[in-house]
N, C-alpha and C. Protein backbone atom coordinates (compact mmCIF):
# COMPACT_ATOMS: atom_id res chain seq x y z
N GLN A 1 -123.28 -30.45 -9.46
CA GLN A 1 -123.08 -30.95 -10.78
C GLN A 1 -123.91 -31.95 -11.55
N GLU A 2 -124.79 -32.63 -11.26
CA GLU A 2 -125.80 -33.15 -11.62
C GLU A 2 -126.80 -32.38 -12.40
N GLU A 3 -127.21 -31.18 -12.01
CA GLU A 3 -127.73 -30.07 -12.52
C GLU A 3 -127.38 -29.45 -14.09
N ASN A 4 -125.87 -29.66 -13.83
CA ASN A 4 -125.19 -29.26 -15.30
C ASN A 4 -124.99 -30.07 -16.34
N LYS A 5 -125.74 -31.41 -16.03
CA LYS A 5 -125.99 -32.36 -17.11
C LYS A 5 -127.25 -32.51 -17.36
N LEU A 6 -128.31 -31.63 -16.86
CA LEU A 6 -129.29 -31.34 -17.60
C LEU A 6 -129.19 -30.82 -19.15
N PRO A 7 -130.23 -31.73 -20.27
CA PRO A 7 -130.28 -30.85 -21.27
C PRO A 7 -130.76 -29.00 -21.22
N LYS A 8 -130.22 -28.32 -22.43
CA LYS A 8 -130.81 -26.79 -22.17
C LYS A 8 -131.79 -26.56 -22.09
N ALA A 9 -132.80 -27.64 -22.40
CA ALA A 9 -134.30 -27.33 -22.83
C ALA A 9 -135.10 -27.69 -21.27
N LEU A 10 -134.43 -28.53 -20.76
CA LEU A 10 -135.08 -28.88 -19.04
C LEU A 10 -134.13 -27.83 -18.24
N LYS A 11 -133.14 -27.18 -18.33
CA LYS A 11 -132.78 -26.53 -17.43
C LYS A 11 -133.46 -24.67 -17.39
N ALA A 12 -134.22 -24.67 -18.50
CA ALA A 12 -134.77 -23.70 -18.58
C ALA A 12 -136.60 -23.59 -18.24
N VAL A 13 -136.59 -24.92 -17.77
CA VAL A 13 -138.02 -24.97 -16.83
C VAL A 13 -137.82 -24.49 -15.32
N ALA A 14 -138.68 -23.31 -15.28
CA ALA A 14 -138.37 -22.57 -14.24
C ALA A 14 -138.68 -23.14 -12.74
N GLY A 15 -137.79 -23.64 -11.77
CA GLY A 15 -138.39 -24.24 -10.76
C GLY A 15 -136.74 -24.53 -10.22
N GLU A 16 -136.71 -24.15 -8.75
CA GLU A 16 -135.58 -24.48 -8.32
C GLU A 16 -135.98 -25.42 -6.93
N ASP A 17 -137.78 -25.23 -6.57
CA ASP A 17 -137.94 -25.89 -5.78
C ASP A 17 -137.12 -27.72 -5.91
N HIS A 18 -137.25 -28.13 -4.59
CA HIS A 18 -136.67 -29.59 -4.73
C HIS A 18 -137.69 -30.60 -5.60
N SER A 19 -139.01 -30.43 -5.34
CA SER A 19 -139.82 -31.20 -5.83
C SER A 19 -139.54 -31.08 -7.72
N ILE A 20 -139.30 -29.72 -8.08
CA ILE A 20 -139.19 -29.73 -9.45
C ILE A 20 -137.70 -30.42 -10.22
N GLN A 21 -136.73 -29.66 -9.26
CA GLN A 21 -135.60 -30.60 -9.42
C GLN A 21 -135.39 -32.15 -9.67
N ARG A 22 -136.06 -32.73 -8.59
CA ARG A 22 -136.00 -34.01 -8.64
C ARG A 22 -137.19 -34.84 -9.93
N ASN A 23 -138.09 -33.88 -10.25
CA ASN A 23 -138.77 -34.38 -11.36
C ASN A 23 -137.25 -34.42 -12.89
N LEU A 24 -136.90 -33.05 -13.00
CA LEU A 24 -136.21 -33.09 -13.91
C LEU A 24 -134.93 -33.98 -14.10
N LYS A 25 -134.23 -34.15 -12.76
CA LYS A 25 -133.03 -35.35 -12.49
C LYS A 25 -133.88 -36.61 -12.98
N LYS A 26 -134.93 -36.93 -12.57
CA LYS A 26 -135.79 -38.30 -12.95
C LYS A 26 -135.59 -38.61 -14.64
N LEU A 27 -136.15 -37.22 -15.16
CA LEU A 27 -136.39 -37.22 -16.46
C LEU A 27 -135.12 -36.97 -17.34
N SER A 28 -134.00 -36.55 -16.68
CA SER A 28 -133.06 -36.54 -17.68
C SER A 28 -132.31 -37.96 -17.85
N ARG A 29 -132.19 -38.77 -16.88
CA ARG A 29 -131.92 -40.06 -17.05
C ARG A 29 -133.20 -41.08 -17.84
N LEU A 30 -134.20 -40.58 -18.17
CA LEU A 30 -134.93 -41.38 -18.86
C LEU A 30 -135.49 -40.90 -20.49
N LEU A 31 -134.62 -39.25 -21.00
CA LEU A 31 -135.10 -38.75 -21.81
C LEU A 31 -135.36 -39.55 -23.15
N ASN A 32 -134.22 -40.14 -23.74
CA ASN A 32 -133.97 -41.02 -24.68
C ASN A 32 -134.33 -42.62 -24.80
N THR A 33 -135.73 -42.34 -24.15
CA THR A 33 -136.65 -43.75 -24.42
C THR A 33 -137.53 -43.18 -24.85
N ASN A 34 -138.71 -44.44 -25.32
CA ASN A 34 -139.96 -44.14 -25.67
C ASN A 34 -140.95 -44.60 -24.59
N MET A 35 -140.65 -44.17 -23.81
CA MET A 35 -141.50 -44.53 -22.28
C MET A 35 -142.38 -43.55 -22.48
N SER A 36 -143.98 -43.52 -22.08
CA SER A 36 -144.49 -42.90 -21.84
C SER A 36 -144.52 -41.63 -20.71
N VAL A 37 -144.97 -40.44 -20.75
CA VAL A 37 -144.77 -39.72 -19.42
C VAL A 37 -146.52 -39.45 -19.14
N LEU A 38 -146.45 -39.20 -18.10
CA LEU A 38 -147.96 -38.57 -17.65
C LEU A 38 -147.65 -37.35 -16.61
N VAL A 39 -147.90 -36.49 -16.98
CA VAL A 39 -147.85 -34.96 -16.29
C VAL A 39 -148.70 -34.73 -15.55
N SER A 40 -148.64 -34.77 -14.40
CA SER A 40 -150.05 -34.29 -13.30
C SER A 40 -150.06 -32.66 -13.03
N GLY A 41 -151.06 -32.27 -12.56
CA GLY A 41 -150.56 -30.87 -12.03
C GLY A 41 -152.15 -30.04 -12.18
N GLU A 42 -152.14 -28.91 -11.57
CA GLU A 42 -153.51 -28.25 -11.19
C GLU A 42 -153.38 -27.57 -12.62
N THR A 43 -154.57 -26.85 -13.18
CA THR A 43 -154.31 -25.96 -14.46
C THR A 43 -153.49 -24.87 -14.01
N GLY A 44 -152.84 -24.50 -14.91
CA GLY A 44 -151.72 -23.18 -14.90
C GLY A 44 -150.20 -23.49 -14.41
N THR A 45 -150.04 -24.60 -14.19
CA THR A 45 -148.68 -25.21 -13.55
C THR A 45 -147.47 -25.37 -14.52
N GLY A 46 -147.82 -25.46 -16.20
CA GLY A 46 -146.84 -25.66 -16.69
C GLY A 46 -146.80 -26.99 -17.49
N LYS A 47 -147.65 -27.88 -17.38
CA LYS A 47 -147.76 -29.01 -18.12
C LYS A 47 -147.06 -29.39 -19.59
N GLU A 48 -148.00 -28.23 -20.10
CA GLU A 48 -147.15 -28.21 -21.69
C GLU A 48 -145.98 -27.65 -21.83
N TYR A 49 -145.44 -26.82 -21.28
CA TYR A 49 -144.17 -26.56 -20.78
C TYR A 49 -143.19 -27.33 -20.92
N LEU A 50 -143.53 -27.97 -19.88
CA LEU A 50 -142.46 -29.27 -19.59
C LEU A 50 -142.44 -30.20 -20.60
N ALA A 51 -143.76 -30.56 -21.11
CA ALA A 51 -143.98 -31.73 -22.28
C ALA A 51 -143.39 -31.36 -23.49
N LYS A 52 -143.00 -29.86 -23.69
CA LYS A 52 -142.14 -29.47 -24.80
C LYS A 52 -140.70 -29.43 -24.43
N ALA A 53 -140.38 -29.04 -23.36
CA ALA A 53 -138.97 -29.35 -23.27
C ALA A 53 -138.43 -30.81 -22.92
N ILE A 54 -139.57 -31.85 -22.83
CA ILE A 54 -138.99 -33.34 -22.60
C ILE A 54 -138.61 -33.40 -24.27
N HIS A 55 -139.21 -32.89 -24.94
CA HIS A 55 -139.51 -33.22 -26.28
C HIS A 55 -137.96 -32.41 -27.15
N GLN A 56 -138.02 -31.42 -26.49
CA GLN A 56 -136.81 -30.67 -27.19
C GLN A 56 -135.63 -31.19 -26.51
N SER A 57 -135.46 -31.99 -25.50
CA SER A 57 -134.20 -32.53 -24.89
C SER A 57 -133.83 -33.89 -25.39
N CYS A 58 -134.76 -34.44 -26.06
CA CYS A 58 -134.37 -35.83 -26.31
C CYS A 58 -134.15 -36.05 -27.87
N VAL A 59 -133.77 -37.57 -28.25
CA VAL A 59 -133.29 -38.01 -29.56
C VAL A 59 -134.33 -37.52 -31.21
N ARG A 60 -136.06 -37.38 -30.30
CA ARG A 60 -136.97 -36.88 -31.45
C ARG A 60 -137.17 -35.41 -31.35
N ALA A 61 -136.25 -34.58 -31.13
CA ALA A 61 -135.97 -32.71 -30.89
C ALA A 61 -136.50 -32.64 -32.66
N GLN A 62 -135.97 -33.31 -33.52
CA GLN A 62 -135.86 -32.67 -34.75
C GLN A 62 -137.15 -33.25 -35.66
N GLY A 63 -138.00 -34.19 -34.46
CA GLY A 63 -139.50 -34.37 -35.18
C GLY A 63 -140.41 -33.59 -34.63
N PRO A 64 -141.61 -33.79 -35.04
CA PRO A 64 -142.62 -32.98 -35.08
C PRO A 64 -143.22 -33.02 -33.47
N PHE A 65 -143.60 -31.85 -32.82
CA PHE A 65 -144.08 -31.84 -31.29
C PHE A 65 -145.30 -31.41 -32.09
N VAL A 66 -146.49 -32.60 -31.55
CA VAL A 66 -148.08 -32.42 -31.83
C VAL A 66 -148.82 -32.26 -30.27
N PRO A 67 -149.38 -30.97 -30.08
CA PRO A 67 -150.09 -30.94 -28.64
C PRO A 67 -151.56 -31.13 -29.38
N VAL A 68 -152.60 -31.86 -28.62
CA VAL A 68 -153.89 -31.99 -28.70
C VAL A 68 -154.44 -31.73 -27.27
N ASN A 69 -155.49 -31.05 -27.51
CA ASN A 69 -156.04 -30.66 -26.21
C ASN A 69 -157.63 -31.62 -26.27
N CYS A 70 -157.42 -32.71 -25.76
CA CYS A 70 -158.46 -33.87 -25.49
C CYS A 70 -159.83 -33.14 -25.23
N GLY A 71 -159.86 -32.13 -24.10
CA GLY A 71 -160.85 -31.57 -23.74
C GLY A 71 -161.91 -30.83 -24.33
N ALA A 72 -160.95 -30.10 -25.65
CA ALA A 72 -161.49 -28.85 -26.45
C ALA A 72 -161.74 -29.16 -27.66
N LEU A 73 -161.71 -30.47 -28.00
CA LEU A 73 -162.23 -31.09 -29.43
C LEU A 73 -163.68 -31.98 -29.05
N PRO A 74 -164.71 -31.42 -29.96
CA PRO A 74 -165.97 -31.93 -29.95
C PRO A 74 -165.53 -33.28 -29.73
N GLU A 75 -166.61 -34.47 -29.08
CA GLU A 75 -166.51 -35.80 -29.05
C GLU A 75 -166.76 -35.99 -30.45
N ASN A 76 -167.71 -35.48 -31.21
CA ASN A 76 -168.37 -36.55 -32.53
C ASN A 76 -166.86 -36.04 -33.64
N LEU A 77 -166.05 -35.56 -33.56
CA LEU A 77 -164.77 -34.85 -34.20
C LEU A 77 -163.51 -35.73 -33.93
N ILE A 78 -163.42 -35.78 -32.49
CA ILE A 78 -162.08 -36.41 -31.90
C ILE A 78 -161.36 -37.55 -32.46
N GLU A 79 -162.17 -38.68 -33.03
CA GLU A 79 -161.54 -39.55 -33.34
C GLU A 79 -161.40 -39.61 -35.06
N SER A 80 -162.23 -38.67 -35.65
CA SER A 80 -161.56 -38.25 -36.97
C SER A 80 -159.91 -37.38 -37.09
N GLU A 81 -160.15 -36.72 -35.75
CA GLU A 81 -159.07 -35.45 -35.78
C GLU A 81 -157.87 -36.16 -35.71
N LEU A 82 -157.87 -37.45 -34.66
CA LEU A 82 -156.85 -37.92 -33.98
C LEU A 82 -156.26 -39.23 -34.85
N PHE A 83 -157.21 -39.61 -35.35
CA PHE A 83 -156.82 -40.98 -35.91
C PHE A 83 -156.62 -40.98 -37.61
N GLY A 84 -157.76 -39.70 -38.16
CA GLY A 84 -157.71 -39.60 -39.31
C GLY A 84 -158.64 -40.40 -40.07
N TYR A 85 -158.95 -40.04 -41.51
CA TYR A 85 -159.85 -41.08 -42.19
C TYR A 85 -159.68 -41.00 -43.80
N GLU A 86 -159.71 -42.12 -44.40
CA GLU A 86 -160.13 -41.65 -45.87
C GLU A 86 -161.26 -41.05 -46.40
N GLY A 87 -160.71 -40.57 -47.51
CA GLY A 87 -161.66 -39.45 -48.09
C GLY A 87 -163.08 -40.22 -48.70
N GLY A 88 -164.28 -39.48 -48.08
CA GLY A 88 -165.85 -39.74 -48.44
C GLY A 88 -165.83 -41.30 -47.37
N SER A 89 -165.33 -41.44 -46.32
CA SER A 89 -165.87 -42.32 -45.54
C SER A 89 -166.67 -42.18 -44.77
N PHE A 90 -167.13 -40.84 -44.41
CA PHE A 90 -168.59 -40.46 -43.85
C PHE A 90 -169.09 -39.02 -44.00
N THR A 91 -170.05 -38.83 -44.16
CA THR A 91 -170.95 -37.31 -44.37
C THR A 91 -169.75 -36.51 -43.90
N GLY A 92 -169.68 -35.52 -44.76
CA GLY A 92 -168.59 -34.37 -44.27
C GLY A 92 -167.45 -34.13 -44.45
N ALA A 93 -166.97 -35.61 -44.75
CA ALA A 93 -165.31 -36.01 -44.82
C ALA A 93 -165.17 -35.17 -45.93
N LEU A 94 -163.37 -34.82 -45.98
CA LEU A 94 -162.93 -33.69 -47.17
C LEU A 94 -162.87 -35.42 -48.18
N SER A 95 -162.93 -34.80 -49.59
CA SER A 95 -162.96 -35.88 -50.32
C SER A 95 -161.29 -36.69 -50.46
N LYS A 96 -160.14 -35.79 -49.94
CA LYS A 96 -159.04 -36.21 -50.09
C LYS A 96 -158.56 -37.11 -48.69
N GLY A 97 -159.35 -37.15 -47.61
CA GLY A 97 -158.91 -37.56 -46.56
C GLY A 97 -158.26 -36.61 -45.65
N LYS A 98 -158.37 -37.39 -44.38
CA LYS A 98 -157.10 -36.44 -43.62
C LYS A 98 -156.36 -37.55 -42.87
N LYS A 99 -155.09 -36.97 -42.69
CA LYS A 99 -153.58 -37.61 -42.11
C LYS A 99 -154.13 -38.11 -40.76
N GLY A 100 -154.66 -37.27 -39.86
CA GLY A 100 -154.60 -37.43 -38.58
C GLY A 100 -153.68 -36.73 -37.72
N LEU A 101 -153.70 -36.27 -36.18
CA LEU A 101 -152.85 -35.75 -35.39
C LEU A 101 -151.84 -36.71 -34.97
N ILE A 102 -152.50 -37.91 -34.78
CA ILE A 102 -151.26 -39.10 -34.25
C ILE A 102 -150.21 -39.35 -35.47
N ARG A 103 -150.84 -39.18 -36.35
CA ARG A 103 -149.72 -39.95 -37.78
C ARG A 103 -148.74 -38.29 -38.06
N GLU A 104 -149.78 -37.40 -37.96
CA GLU A 104 -148.56 -36.24 -37.86
C GLU A 104 -147.50 -35.97 -36.83
N ALA A 105 -147.57 -36.49 -35.71
CA ALA A 105 -146.54 -36.61 -34.73
C ALA A 105 -145.75 -37.76 -35.00
N HIS A 106 -145.54 -38.64 -36.12
CA HIS A 106 -144.92 -39.63 -36.47
C HIS A 106 -143.26 -39.01 -36.63
N GLY A 107 -142.53 -39.70 -35.85
CA GLY A 107 -140.94 -39.55 -35.63
C GLY A 107 -140.82 -38.61 -34.68
N GLY A 108 -141.71 -38.01 -33.76
CA GLY A 108 -141.99 -37.09 -33.06
C GLY A 108 -142.56 -37.46 -31.40
N THR A 109 -143.25 -36.27 -31.29
CA THR A 109 -143.84 -36.73 -29.89
C THR A 109 -145.13 -36.05 -30.10
N LEU A 110 -146.29 -36.75 -29.56
CA LEU A 110 -147.65 -36.65 -29.41
C LEU A 110 -148.14 -36.26 -27.86
N PHE A 111 -148.44 -35.08 -27.71
CA PHE A 111 -148.86 -34.35 -26.09
C PHE A 111 -150.46 -34.44 -25.90
N LEU A 112 -151.10 -35.32 -25.24
CA LEU A 112 -152.31 -35.48 -25.52
C LEU A 112 -153.01 -34.64 -23.67
N ASP A 113 -153.19 -33.37 -23.98
CA ASP A 113 -153.14 -32.64 -22.75
C ASP A 113 -154.65 -33.00 -22.33
N GLU A 114 -155.03 -33.07 -20.94
CA GLU A 114 -156.65 -33.28 -20.63
C GLU A 114 -156.83 -34.68 -20.85
N ILE A 115 -155.85 -35.84 -20.76
CA ILE A 115 -156.32 -36.82 -21.13
C ILE A 115 -157.36 -37.30 -20.55
N GLY A 116 -157.79 -36.97 -19.46
CA GLY A 116 -158.58 -37.55 -18.39
C GLY A 116 -160.21 -37.41 -18.84
N ASP A 117 -160.11 -36.04 -19.96
CA ASP A 117 -161.59 -35.76 -20.47
C ASP A 117 -161.49 -36.45 -22.13
N MET A 118 -160.52 -37.58 -22.30
CA MET A 118 -160.88 -38.32 -23.83
C MET A 118 -162.03 -39.51 -23.41
N PRO A 119 -163.18 -39.57 -24.11
CA PRO A 119 -164.26 -40.43 -24.32
C PRO A 119 -163.83 -41.90 -24.04
N PRO A 120 -164.63 -43.02 -23.38
CA PRO A 120 -164.29 -44.29 -23.46
C PRO A 120 -164.08 -44.61 -24.29
N VAL A 121 -164.38 -44.65 -25.40
CA VAL A 121 -164.33 -45.31 -26.97
C VAL A 121 -163.20 -45.18 -27.05
N LEU A 122 -162.74 -43.86 -27.29
CA LEU A 122 -161.09 -43.85 -27.70
C LEU A 122 -160.12 -44.08 -26.82
N GLN A 123 -160.35 -44.18 -25.40
CA GLN A 123 -159.56 -44.97 -24.48
C GLN A 123 -159.11 -46.25 -25.50
N VAL A 124 -159.91 -47.17 -25.86
CA VAL A 124 -159.27 -48.29 -26.19
C VAL A 124 -158.71 -48.17 -27.60
N LYS A 125 -159.06 -47.39 -28.46
CA LYS A 125 -158.09 -47.14 -29.77
C LYS A 125 -156.75 -46.45 -29.24
N LEU A 126 -156.88 -45.58 -28.34
CA LEU A 126 -155.22 -45.06 -27.66
C LEU A 126 -154.80 -46.55 -27.27
N LEU A 127 -155.41 -47.32 -26.65
CA LEU A 127 -155.03 -48.29 -25.84
C LEU A 127 -154.29 -48.80 -27.01
N ARG A 128 -154.42 -49.33 -28.37
CA ARG A 128 -154.10 -50.06 -28.87
C ARG A 128 -152.98 -49.44 -29.90
N VAL A 129 -153.24 -48.34 -29.96
CA VAL A 129 -151.96 -47.52 -30.61
C VAL A 129 -150.50 -47.61 -29.64
N LEU A 130 -150.48 -47.73 -28.28
CA LEU A 130 -149.63 -47.56 -27.31
C LEU A 130 -149.32 -49.12 -27.64
N ALA A 131 -150.27 -50.24 -27.35
CA ALA A 131 -149.79 -51.70 -27.35
C ALA A 131 -149.01 -51.94 -28.86
N GLU A 132 -149.84 -51.52 -29.85
CA GLU A 132 -149.18 -52.00 -31.20
C GLU A 132 -148.23 -51.35 -31.74
N ARG A 133 -148.28 -49.79 -31.43
CA ARG A 133 -147.61 -48.97 -32.36
C ARG A 133 -148.07 -48.86 -33.86
N GLU A 134 -149.72 -48.85 -34.02
CA GLU A 134 -149.74 -48.51 -35.67
C GLU A 134 -151.21 -48.28 -35.23
N ILE A 135 -151.87 -47.26 -36.10
CA ILE A 135 -153.28 -46.76 -36.11
C ILE A 135 -154.38 -47.40 -37.13
N ASP A 136 -155.54 -47.25 -37.07
CA ASP A 136 -156.39 -47.74 -37.86
C ASP A 136 -157.26 -46.10 -38.28
N ARG A 137 -157.10 -45.70 -39.72
CA ARG A 137 -157.87 -44.82 -39.88
C ARG A 137 -159.01 -45.08 -39.98
N ILE A 138 -160.12 -43.92 -39.97
CA ILE A 138 -161.77 -43.93 -40.41
C ILE A 138 -161.62 -44.50 -41.96
N GLY A 139 -162.17 -45.67 -42.28
CA GLY A 139 -162.65 -46.09 -43.90
C GLY A 139 -161.30 -46.86 -44.13
N VAL A 140 -160.29 -47.27 -43.34
CA VAL A 140 -159.41 -47.71 -44.00
C VAL A 140 -159.11 -49.36 -43.27
N THR A 141 -159.03 -50.08 -43.55
CA THR A 141 -158.99 -51.89 -43.21
C THR A 141 -157.37 -52.27 -42.99
N LYS A 142 -156.43 -51.40 -43.91
CA LYS A 142 -154.92 -51.80 -43.55
C LYS A 142 -154.37 -50.88 -42.47
N SER A 143 -153.95 -51.39 -41.38
CA SER A 143 -153.25 -50.49 -40.53
C SER A 143 -151.83 -49.96 -40.53
N ILE A 144 -151.71 -48.58 -39.99
CA ILE A 144 -150.61 -48.13 -40.65
C ILE A 144 -149.58 -47.91 -39.17
N PRO A 145 -148.44 -48.45 -39.24
CA PRO A 145 -147.49 -48.14 -38.59
C PRO A 145 -146.90 -46.72 -38.22
N ILE A 146 -146.56 -46.14 -36.80
CA ILE A 146 -146.40 -45.06 -36.22
C ILE A 146 -144.67 -44.93 -35.28
N ASP A 147 -144.37 -44.09 -35.23
CA ASP A 147 -143.18 -44.04 -34.44
C ASP A 147 -143.61 -43.00 -33.77
N ILE A 148 -143.92 -42.76 -32.54
CA ILE A 148 -144.21 -41.66 -31.92
C ILE A 148 -143.77 -42.06 -30.03
N ARG A 149 -143.57 -40.69 -29.21
CA ARG A 149 -143.40 -41.03 -28.08
C ARG A 149 -144.82 -40.26 -27.46
N VAL A 150 -145.68 -40.68 -26.50
CA VAL A 150 -146.68 -40.10 -25.93
C VAL A 150 -146.45 -39.55 -24.54
N ILE A 151 -146.92 -38.46 -24.44
CA ILE A 151 -146.72 -37.56 -23.51
C ILE A 151 -148.16 -37.00 -22.90
N THR A 152 -148.40 -37.48 -21.91
CA THR A 152 -150.32 -37.17 -21.72
C THR A 152 -150.01 -36.10 -20.56
N ALA A 153 -151.12 -35.25 -20.11
CA ALA A 153 -151.36 -34.38 -19.09
C ALA A 153 -152.35 -34.16 -18.56
N THR A 154 -152.86 -33.94 -17.38
CA THR A 154 -154.10 -34.12 -16.80
C THR A 154 -154.21 -33.32 -15.20
N HIS A 155 -155.12 -32.52 -15.11
CA HIS A 155 -155.84 -31.94 -13.87
C HIS A 155 -156.09 -32.93 -13.25
N ARG A 156 -157.01 -34.20 -13.48
CA ARG A 156 -157.64 -34.69 -12.89
C ARG A 156 -157.02 -35.97 -12.33
N ASN A 157 -157.78 -36.20 -10.94
CA ASN A 157 -157.25 -37.20 -10.35
C ASN A 157 -157.73 -38.79 -11.29
N LEU A 158 -156.80 -39.57 -11.88
CA LEU A 158 -157.00 -40.39 -12.95
C LEU A 158 -157.84 -41.63 -12.25
N GLU A 159 -156.68 -42.19 -10.68
CA GLU A 159 -156.98 -42.84 -10.13
C GLU A 159 -158.51 -42.84 -9.62
N ALA A 160 -158.87 -41.83 -9.44
CA ALA A 160 -160.44 -41.61 -8.97
C ALA A 160 -160.97 -42.02 -9.76
N ALA A 161 -161.00 -41.49 -11.22
CA ALA A 161 -161.59 -41.47 -12.50
C ALA A 161 -161.75 -43.25 -12.77
N ILE A 162 -161.02 -43.94 -12.60
CA ILE A 162 -160.87 -45.57 -12.61
C ILE A 162 -162.11 -45.90 -11.90
N GLU A 163 -161.86 -45.71 -10.70
CA GLU A 163 -162.62 -46.24 -9.48
C GLU A 163 -164.18 -45.82 -10.12
N GLU A 164 -164.35 -44.64 -10.64
CA GLU A 164 -165.71 -44.20 -10.70
C GLU A 164 -166.12 -44.68 -12.05
N GLY A 165 -165.74 -45.39 -12.99
CA GLY A 165 -165.56 -46.31 -14.30
C GLY A 165 -165.22 -45.28 -15.69
N GLN A 166 -164.72 -44.05 -15.43
CA GLN A 166 -164.65 -42.99 -16.55
C GLN A 166 -163.10 -43.16 -16.97
N PHE A 167 -162.45 -44.08 -16.47
CA PHE A 167 -161.30 -44.07 -17.35
C PHE A 167 -160.36 -45.51 -16.94
N ARG A 168 -159.97 -46.10 -18.19
CA ARG A 168 -159.58 -47.25 -18.04
C ARG A 168 -158.32 -47.98 -17.46
N GLU A 169 -158.15 -48.63 -16.73
CA GLU A 169 -157.20 -49.05 -15.87
C GLU A 169 -156.05 -49.51 -16.59
N ASP A 170 -156.50 -50.08 -17.29
CA ASP A 170 -155.06 -50.49 -18.36
C ASP A 170 -154.49 -49.42 -19.49
N LEU A 171 -155.18 -48.37 -19.99
CA LEU A 171 -154.61 -47.23 -20.47
C LEU A 171 -154.03 -46.50 -19.20
N PHE A 172 -154.31 -46.45 -18.14
CA PHE A 172 -153.64 -45.34 -17.17
C PHE A 172 -152.30 -45.98 -16.75
N TYR A 173 -152.43 -47.73 -16.82
CA TYR A 173 -150.78 -47.91 -16.50
C TYR A 173 -149.72 -47.73 -17.87
N ARG A 174 -150.67 -48.11 -19.03
CA ARG A 174 -149.64 -47.57 -20.24
C ARG A 174 -149.07 -46.18 -20.46
N LEU A 175 -149.74 -44.72 -19.68
CA LEU A 175 -149.23 -43.50 -19.68
C LEU A 175 -148.47 -43.45 -18.70
N ASN A 176 -148.90 -44.01 -17.49
CA ASN A 176 -148.17 -43.48 -16.34
C ASN A 176 -146.53 -44.37 -16.19
N ILE A 177 -145.99 -44.47 -17.20
CA ILE A 177 -144.65 -45.32 -17.01
C ILE A 177 -143.44 -44.49 -16.24
N ILE A 178 -143.87 -43.00 -16.93
CA ILE A 178 -143.04 -42.29 -15.94
C ILE A 178 -144.01 -41.27 -15.83
N PRO A 179 -144.19 -41.09 -13.97
CA PRO A 179 -145.08 -39.96 -13.67
C PRO A 179 -144.67 -39.12 -13.27
N LEU A 180 -144.86 -37.77 -13.48
CA LEU A 180 -144.80 -36.65 -12.64
C LEU A 180 -145.73 -35.72 -12.49
N ASN A 181 -145.38 -34.80 -11.27
CA ASN A 181 -146.22 -34.21 -10.75
C ASN A 181 -145.62 -32.97 -10.61
N ILE A 182 -146.39 -31.54 -11.19
CA ILE A 182 -146.06 -30.36 -11.15
C ILE A 182 -146.87 -29.69 -10.00
N PRO A 183 -146.23 -29.17 -8.53
CA PRO A 183 -146.89 -29.09 -7.68
C PRO A 183 -147.62 -27.38 -7.86
N PRO A 184 -148.65 -26.91 -7.60
CA PRO A 184 -148.97 -25.58 -7.65
C PRO A 184 -147.97 -24.63 -7.05
N LEU A 185 -147.82 -23.46 -7.48
CA LEU A 185 -146.77 -22.38 -7.06
C LEU A 185 -147.02 -22.13 -5.38
N ARG A 186 -148.23 -22.33 -4.84
CA ARG A 186 -148.65 -21.82 -3.48
C ARG A 186 -147.76 -22.96 -2.57
N GLU A 187 -147.66 -24.31 -3.62
CA GLU A 187 -146.47 -25.13 -2.49
C GLU A 187 -144.87 -25.29 -2.69
N ARG A 188 -144.49 -24.21 -3.31
CA ARG A 188 -143.47 -24.17 -3.55
C ARG A 188 -142.99 -22.72 -3.90
N LYS A 189 -143.01 -21.50 -2.69
CA LYS A 189 -143.18 -20.22 -2.74
C LYS A 189 -141.97 -19.99 -2.84
N THR A 190 -140.60 -20.87 -2.49
CA THR A 190 -139.45 -20.18 -3.05
C THR A 190 -139.31 -20.00 -4.25
N ASP A 191 -140.00 -20.70 -5.67
CA ASP A 191 -139.89 -20.18 -6.54
C ASP A 191 -140.40 -18.88 -7.40
N ILE A 192 -141.29 -18.10 -6.46
CA ILE A 192 -141.81 -16.88 -6.91
C ILE A 192 -141.00 -16.04 -7.07
N PRO A 193 -139.64 -15.60 -6.35
CA PRO A 193 -139.23 -14.75 -7.08
C PRO A 193 -138.03 -15.04 -8.11
N LEU A 194 -138.28 -16.22 -8.69
CA LEU A 194 -137.52 -16.45 -10.05
C LEU A 194 -138.60 -16.52 -11.12
N LEU A 195 -139.79 -16.61 -10.51
CA LEU A 195 -140.53 -16.59 -11.70
C LEU A 195 -140.99 -15.13 -11.91
N ALA A 196 -140.92 -14.38 -10.76
CA ALA A 196 -141.47 -13.11 -10.96
C ALA A 196 -140.24 -11.95 -12.01
């Protein structure tokens, strides 16, 4: 009966294993909040698929879903790609400027995949976005308010990264409000026939 209350997009997340169903039931109660979600799991477990299902199942479904792979963006470009910039604010900048991916997600969901690969200097800026709900574009002194839900994903152990000084503890607690873990298929073999 409780499964029938799940939104259609969440029901479509393949998995009958109790660990997957527990995640879905937890989500169904917290969907229409602005709470940050941190999805952890090995590469290939479907973290982005789950993030899209969360977005499609909540009040933000009509807004944009903006995925960003933090590990794929070059370190020298990630700040301008995420936060945007004013035209001509640095060498090579477009004359008309750039909106930035965070601002593109306004009214919807920003999905930051491989958050554990985000450089420390940008972790500080992201922390401010989460705390103040505004961004500072490069070359602009006035902050821009934003309305986003942030979903992050990682295959790394962020708590170990905190111990090693590679990830900010305060950012971790801002991102880890709703923690979800997707176990690998070898730990939920009953789902193999369903996926096949």
